[in-house]
Amino acid sequence: MSDLVINADALAEALDCEKWRAPRIEAAMGAQELPALDALRAAQAAGVADSDILRAARYALPTNLRIRWISGIVDRVVRTHALYCGIDTVEVWARGWLDGTDRSAKSARAARLVAQSAEDRVAACAAAAAEAAAFTVTAEAPWAADEAAEAAEQAAAAEEESARQIADLVQILEEAEE
């Protein structure tokens, strides 16, 4: 079992968010600390919006899990929306991002600017997600994870991307429990 536990009150305090103190959350989680995966399932069962769960996870997860999770999200978005976007410069950057030869914020920013000038909003959002993800890794910053996830959502249909991010989060938490 994982040592990673979540407490609804601690999340509410960290996020300055009363949603986590709502009676239905307290009924599901109580004031107790729960393993992170159980807390996620309790929040879902209590009807907490995926967007709120995802934001809370970006702040509550330890840095190593947050980086793994956001990296997986961004890699998927880059693969889906930039790798074959039809803009040579962006496609070359996407290959370098995905094969690990260049995962810098500078290169991602350059790809974003090229995609924007070509008026490819989706590829630009994928590159913006990668740019923010690069900061997540270097600065170990939850705010950068927020930006990466939000850009990923803009690159894909928000509802579909939120569901994918929740599935990625569940997988990371299950692996952490092993």
C-alpha atoms as a PDB file:
ATOM      1  CA  MET A   1       0.000   0.000   0.000  1.00  0.00           C
ATOM      2  CA  SER A   2       1.186   3.495  -0.829  1.00  0.00           C
ATOM      3  CA  ASP A   3       2.334   6.002   1.777  1.00  0.00           C
ATOM      4  CA  LEU A   4       0.663   8.713  -0.319  1.00  0.00           C
ATOM      5  CA  VAL A   5      -2.419   9.849   1.556  1.00  0.00           C
ATOM      6  CA  ILE A   6      -4.887  12.664   0.927  1.00  0.00           C
ATOM      7  CA  ASN A   7      -6.958  14.613   3.439  1.00  0.00           C
ATOM      8  CA  ALA A   8      -9.896  16.714   2.182  1.00  0.00           C
ATOM      9  CA  ASP A   9      -9.190  19.536   4.642  1.00  0.00           C
ATOM     10  CA  ALA A  10      -5.517  19.706   3.642  1.00  0.00           C
ATOM     11  CA  LEU A  11      -6.515  19.891  -0.023  1.00  0.00           C
ATOM     12  CA  ALA A  12      -9.046  22.625   0.682  1.00  0.00           C
ATOM     13  CA  GLU A  13      -6.418  24.617   2.548  1.00  0.00           C
ATOM     14  CA  ALA A  14      -3.744  24.135  -0.115  1.00  0.00           C
ATOM     15  CA  LEU A  15      -6.115  25.078  -2.924  1.00  0.00           C
ATOM     16  CA  ASP A  16      -8.142  27.638  -0.950  1.00  0.00           C
ATOM     17  CA  CYS A  17     -11.157  25.739  -2.202  1.00  0.00           C
ATOM     18  CA  GLU A  18     -14.324  25.248  -0.165  1.00  0.00           C
ATOM     19  CA  LYS A  19     -15.555  22.598  -2.623  1.00  0.00           C
ATOM     20  CA  TRP A  20     -13.400  20.102  -0.785  1.00  0.00           C
ATOM     21  CA  ARG A  21     -15.168  20.881   2.471  1.00  0.00           C
ATOM     22  CA  ALA A  22     -18.644  20.353   1.069  1.00  0.00           C
ATOM     23  CA  PRO A  23     -20.792  17.982   3.133  1.00  0.00           C
ATOM     24  CA  ARG A  24     -20.830  15.336   0.396  1.00  0.00           C
ATOM     25  CA  ILE A  25     -17.008  15.279   0.335  1.00  0.00           C
ATOM     26  CA  GLU A  26     -16.793  15.071   4.099  1.00  0.00           C
ATOM     27  CA  ALA A  27     -19.381  12.294   4.046  1.00  0.00           C
ATOM     28  CA  ALA A  28     -17.305  10.385   1.500  1.00  0.00           C
ATOM     29  CA  MET A  29     -13.841  11.092   2.936  1.00  0.00           C
ATOM     30  CA  GLY A  30     -14.398  12.417   6.402  1.00  0.00           C
ATOM     31  CA  ALA A  31     -11.503  14.206   8.069  1.00  0.00           C
ATOM     32  CA  GLN A  32      -9.424  11.055   7.815  1.00  0.00           C
ATOM     33  CA  GLU A  33      -6.462  10.633   5.567  1.00  0.00           C
ATOM     34  CA  LEU A  34      -7.112   8.207   2.756  1.00  0.00           C
ATOM     35  CA  PRO A  35      -4.764   6.550   0.315  1.00  0.00           C
ATOM     36  CA  ALA A  36      -4.672   8.840  -2.720  1.00  0.00           C
ATOM     37  CA  LEU A  37      -6.468   6.398  -5.011  1.00  0.00           C
ATOM     38  CA  ASP A  38      -9.266   5.925  -2.452  1.00  0.00           C
ATOM     39  CA  ALA A  39      -9.535   9.709  -2.049  1.00  0.00           C
ATOM     40  CA  LEU A  40      -9.816  10.130  -5.809  1.00  0.00           C
ATOM     41  CA  ARG A  41     -12.568   7.511  -6.008  1.00  0.00           C
ATOM     42  CA  ALA A  42     -14.387   9.060  -3.034  1.00  0.00           C
ATOM     43  CA  ALA A  43     -14.273  12.479  -4.682  1.00  0.00           C
ATOM     44  CA  GLN A  44     -15.621  11.026  -7.936  1.00  0.00           C
ATOM     45  CA  ALA A  45     -18.376   9.196  -6.068  1.00  0.00           C
ATOM     46  CA  ALA A  46     -19.273  12.434  -4.306  1.00  0.00           C
ATOM     47  CA  GLY A  47     -19.709  14.157  -7.652  1.00  0.00           C
ATOM     48  CA  VAL A  48     -16.635  16.375  -7.578  1.00  0.00           C
ATOM     49  CA  ALA A  49     -15.919  17.641 -11.093  1.00  0.00           C
ATOM     50  CA  ASP A  50     -12.986  16.026 -12.887  1.00  0.00           C
ATOM     51  CA  SER A  51     -11.430  19.473 -13.363  1.00  0.00           C
ATOM     52  CA  ASP A  52     -11.370  19.983  -9.571  1.00  0.00           C
ATOM     53  CA  ILE A  53      -9.926  16.515  -8.957  1.00  0.00           C
ATOM     54  CA  LEU A  54      -7.232  17.097 -11.574  1.00  0.00           C
ATOM     55  CA  ARG A  55      -6.276  20.487 -10.175  1.00  0.00           C
ATOM     56  CA  ALA A  56      -6.094  19.097  -6.649  1.00  0.00           C
ATOM     57  CA  ALA A  57      -3.926  16.202  -7.827  1.00  0.00           C
ATOM     58  CA  ARG A  58      -1.483  18.591  -9.492  1.00  0.00           C
ATOM     59  CA  TYR A  59      -0.889  20.166  -6.080  1.00  0.00           C
ATOM     60  CA  ALA A  60      -1.214  17.104  -3.858  1.00  0.00           C
ATOM     61  CA  LEU A  61       0.979  14.631  -5.714  1.00  0.00           C
ATOM     62  CA  PRO A  62       4.632  14.354  -4.789  1.00  0.00           C
ATOM     63  CA  THR A  63       6.913  15.886  -7.403  1.00  0.00           C
ATOM     64  CA  ASN A  64       8.060  12.569  -8.906  1.00  0.00           C
ATOM     65  CA  LEU A  65       4.487  11.345  -9.500  1.00  0.00           C
ATOM     66  CA  ARG A  66       3.315  14.751 -10.741  1.00  0.00           C
ATOM     67  CA  ILE A  67       6.169  14.865 -13.277  1.00  0.00           C
ATOM     68  CA  ARG A  68       5.442  11.317 -14.508  1.00  0.00           C
ATOM     69  CA  TRP A  69       1.736  12.071 -14.837  1.00  0.00           C
ATOM     70  CA  ILE A  70       2.112  15.432 -16.599  1.00  0.00           C
ATOM     71  CA  SER A  71       4.861  14.071 -18.864  1.00  0.00           C
ATOM     72  CA  GLY A  72       2.567  11.264 -19.989  1.00  0.00           C
ATOM     73  CA  ILE A  73      -0.274  13.695 -20.656  1.00  0.00           C
ATOM     74  CA  VAL A  74       1.932  16.057 -22.634  1.00  0.00           C
ATOM     75  CA  ASP A  75       3.574  13.255 -24.622  1.00  0.00           C
ATOM     76  CA  ARG A  76       0.120  12.003 -25.655  1.00  0.00           C
ATOM     77  CA  VAL A  77      -0.980  15.498 -26.713  1.00  0.00           C
ATOM     78  CA  VAL A  78       2.236  16.142 -28.658  1.00  0.00           C
ATOM     79  CA  ARG A  79       1.933  12.731 -30.365  1.00  0.00           C
ATOM     80  CA  THR A  80      -1.732  13.291 -31.218  1.00  0.00           C
ATOM     81  CA  HIS A  81      -1.749  16.975 -32.173  1.00  0.00           C
ATOM     82  CA  ALA A  82       1.758  18.058 -33.215  1.00  0.00           C
ATOM     83  CA  LEU A  83       3.651  15.055 -34.579  1.00  0.00           C
ATOM     84  CA  TYR A  84       1.670  14.956 -37.831  1.00  0.00           C
ATOM     85  CA  CYS A  85       0.256  18.480 -37.935  1.00  0.00           C
ATOM     86  CA  GLY A  86       1.633  19.232 -41.397  1.00  0.00           C
ATOM     87  CA  ILE A  87       4.051  21.945 -40.275  1.00  0.00           C
ATOM     88  CA  ASP A  88       7.566  20.616 -40.871  1.00  0.00           C
ATOM     89  CA  THR A  89       9.273  22.624 -38.121  1.00  0.00           C
ATOM     90  CA  VAL A  90       6.660  21.608 -35.547  1.00  0.00           C
ATOM     91  CA  GLU A  91       6.809  17.956 -36.596  1.00  0.00           C
ATOM     92  CA  VAL A  92      10.617  17.924 -36.265  1.00  0.00           C
ATOM     93  CA  TRP A  93      10.311  19.476 -32.807  1.00  0.00           C
ATOM     94  CA  ALA A  94       7.609  16.938 -31.825  1.00  0.00           C
ATOM     95  CA  ARG A  95       9.849  14.018 -32.833  1.00  0.00           C
ATOM     96  CA  GLY A  96      12.674  15.466 -30.721  1.00  0.00           C
ATOM     97  CA  TRP A  97      10.330  15.987 -27.776  1.00  0.00           C
ATOM     98  CA  LEU A  98       8.990  12.449 -27.955  1.00  0.00           C
ATOM     99  CA  ASP A  99      12.333  10.722 -28.455  1.00  0.00           C
ATOM    100  CA  GLY A 100      13.832  12.765 -25.622  1.00  0.00           C
ATOM    101  CA  THR A 101      16.552  14.511 -27.617  1.00  0.00           C
ATOM    102  CA  ASP A 102      15.130  17.965 -26.856  1.00  0.00           C
ATOM    103  CA  ARG A 103      12.538  18.468 -24.151  1.00  0.00           C
ATOM    104  CA  SER A 104      13.477  22.074 -23.474  1.00  0.00           C
ATOM    105  CA  ALA A 105      11.021  24.877 -22.877  1.00  0.00           C
ATOM    106  CA  LYS A 106      12.916  26.968 -25.431  1.00  0.00           C
ATOM    107  CA  SER A 107      12.326  24.472 -28.262  1.00  0.00           C
ATOM    108  CA  ALA A 108       8.704  23.953 -27.259  1.00  0.00           C
ATOM    109  CA  ARG A 109       8.178  27.738 -27.218  1.00  0.00           C
ATOM    110  CA  ALA A 110       9.705  28.033 -30.708  1.00  0.00           C
ATOM    111  CA  ALA A 111       7.392  25.268 -31.983  1.00  0.00           C
ATOM    112  CA  ARG A 112       4.408  27.004 -30.376  1.00  0.00           C
ATOM    113  CA  LEU A 113       5.281  30.286 -32.116  1.00  0.00           C
ATOM    114  CA  VAL A 114       5.668  28.551 -35.488  1.00  0.00           C
ATOM    115  CA  ALA A 115       2.325  26.771 -35.054  1.00  0.00           C
ATOM    116  CA  GLN A 116       0.662  30.031 -34.011  1.00  0.00           C
ATOM    117  CA  SER A 117       2.036  31.873 -37.040  1.00  0.00           C
ATOM    118  CA  ALA A 118       0.705  29.034 -39.226  1.00  0.00           C
ATOM    119  CA  GLU A 119      -2.633  29.481 -37.419  1.00  0.00           C
ATOM    120  CA  ASP A 120      -2.644  25.878 -36.189  1.00  0.00           C
ATOM    121  CA  ARG A 121      -4.203  26.443 -32.772  1.00  0.00           C
ATOM    122  CA  VAL A 122      -4.218  22.777 -31.799  1.00  0.00           C
ATOM    123  CA  ALA A 123      -0.520  22.202 -32.544  1.00  0.00           C
ATOM    124  CA  ALA A 124       0.261  25.488 -30.774  1.00  0.00           C
ATOM    125  CA  CYS A 125      -1.589  24.267 -27.681  1.00  0.00           C
ATOM    126  CA  ALA A 126       0.303  20.971 -27.780  1.00  0.00           C
ATOM    127  CA  ALA A 127       3.600  22.862 -27.904  1.00  0.00           C
ATOM    128  CA  ALA A 128       2.417  25.188 -25.119  1.00  0.00           C
ATOM    129  CA  ALA A 129       1.661  22.112 -22.999  1.00  0.00           C
ATOM    130  CA  ALA A 130       5.187  20.835 -23.628  1.00  0.00           C
ATOM    131  CA  GLU A 131       6.673  24.241 -22.803  1.00  0.00           C
ATOM    132  CA  ALA A 132       4.894  24.286 -19.441  1.00  0.00           C
ATOM    133  CA  ALA A 133       5.792  20.637 -18.810  1.00  0.00           C
ATOM    134  CA  ALA A 134       9.462  21.500 -19.266  1.00  0.00           C
ATOM    135  CA  PHE A 135       9.086  23.996 -16.417  1.00  0.00           C
ATOM    136  CA  THR A 136       7.303  21.363 -14.309  1.00  0.00           C
ATOM    137  CA  VAL A 137      10.374  19.156 -14.536  1.00  0.00           C
ATOM    138  CA  THR A 138      12.980  21.859 -14.019  1.00  0.00           C
ATOM    139  CA  ALA A 139      11.204  23.928 -11.376  1.00  0.00           C
ATOM    140  CA  GLU A 140       9.208  21.106  -9.778  1.00  0.00           C
ATOM    141  CA  ALA A 141       6.338  23.599  -9.856  1.00  0.00           C
ATOM    142  CA  PRO A 142       2.670  22.696  -9.487  1.00  0.00           C
ATOM    143  CA  TRP A 143       1.686  25.939 -11.272  1.00  0.00           C
ATOM    144  CA  ALA A 144       3.552  24.769 -14.366  1.00  0.00           C
ATOM    145  CA  ALA A 145       1.690  21.455 -14.167  1.00  0.00           C
ATOM    146  CA  ASP A 146      -1.537  23.484 -14.146  1.00  0.00           C
ATOM    147  CA  GLU A 147      -0.448  25.310 -17.296  1.00  0.00           C
ATOM    148  CA  ALA A 148       0.624  22.093 -19.024  1.00  0.00           C
ATOM    149  CA  ALA A 149      -2.658  20.366 -18.235  1.00  0.00           C
ATOM    150  CA  GLU A 150      -4.730  23.375 -19.275  1.00  0.00           C
ATOM    151  CA  ALA A 151      -2.890  23.641 -22.600  1.00  0.00           C
ATOM    152  CA  ALA A 152      -3.396  19.910 -23.133  1.00  0.00           C
ATOM    153  CA  GLU A 153      -7.116  20.375 -22.536  1.00  0.00           C
ATOM    154  CA  GLN A 154      -7.178  23.162 -25.130  1.00  0.00           C
ATOM    155  CA  ALA A 155      -5.422  20.916 -27.634  1.00  0.00           C
ATOM    156  CA  ALA A 156      -8.070  18.215 -27.237  1.00  0.00           C
ATOM    157  CA  ALA A 157     -11.749  18.294 -26.422  1.00  0.00           C
ATOM    158  CA  ALA A 158     -11.835  19.248 -22.746  1.00  0.00           C
ATOM    159  CA  GLU A 159     -14.170  16.463 -21.604  1.00  0.00           C
ATOM    160  CA  GLU A 160     -12.213  13.760 -23.402  1.00  0.00           C
ATOM    161  CA  GLU A 161      -8.879  15.089 -22.135  1.00  0.00           C
ATOM    162  CA  SER A 162     -10.120  15.308 -18.532  1.00  0.00           C
ATOM    163  CA  ALA A 163     -11.217  11.674 -18.689  1.00  0.00           C
ATOM    164  CA  ARG A 164      -7.804  10.691 -20.078  1.00  0.00           C
ATOM    165  CA  GLN A 165      -6.016  12.656 -17.356  1.00  0.00           C
ATOM    166  CA  ILE A 166      -8.120  10.954 -14.658  1.00  0.00           C
ATOM    167  CA  ALA A 167      -7.251   7.549 -16.181  1.00  0.00           C
ATOM    168  CA  ASP A 168      -3.558   8.497 -16.221  1.00  0.00           C
ATOM    169  CA  LEU A 169      -3.794   9.619 -12.598  1.00  0.00           C
ATOM    170  CA  VAL A 170      -5.439   6.338 -11.548  1.00  0.00           C
ATOM    171  CA  GLN A 171      -2.684   4.380 -13.310  1.00  0.00           C
ATOM    172  CA  ILE A 172       0.091   6.398 -11.612  1.00  0.00           C
ATOM    173  CA  LEU A 173      -1.553   5.965  -8.197  1.00  0.00           C
ATOM    174  CA  GLU A 174      -2.076   2.230  -8.724  1.00  0.00           C
ATOM    175  CA  GLU A 175       1.573   1.846  -9.685  1.00  0.00           C
ATOM    176  CA  ALA A 176       2.616   3.850  -6.616  1.00  0.00           C
ATOM    177  CA  GLU A 177       0.685   1.440  -4.388  1.00  0.00           C
ATOM    178  CA  GLU A 178       2.593  -1.568  -5.733  1.00  0.00           C
END
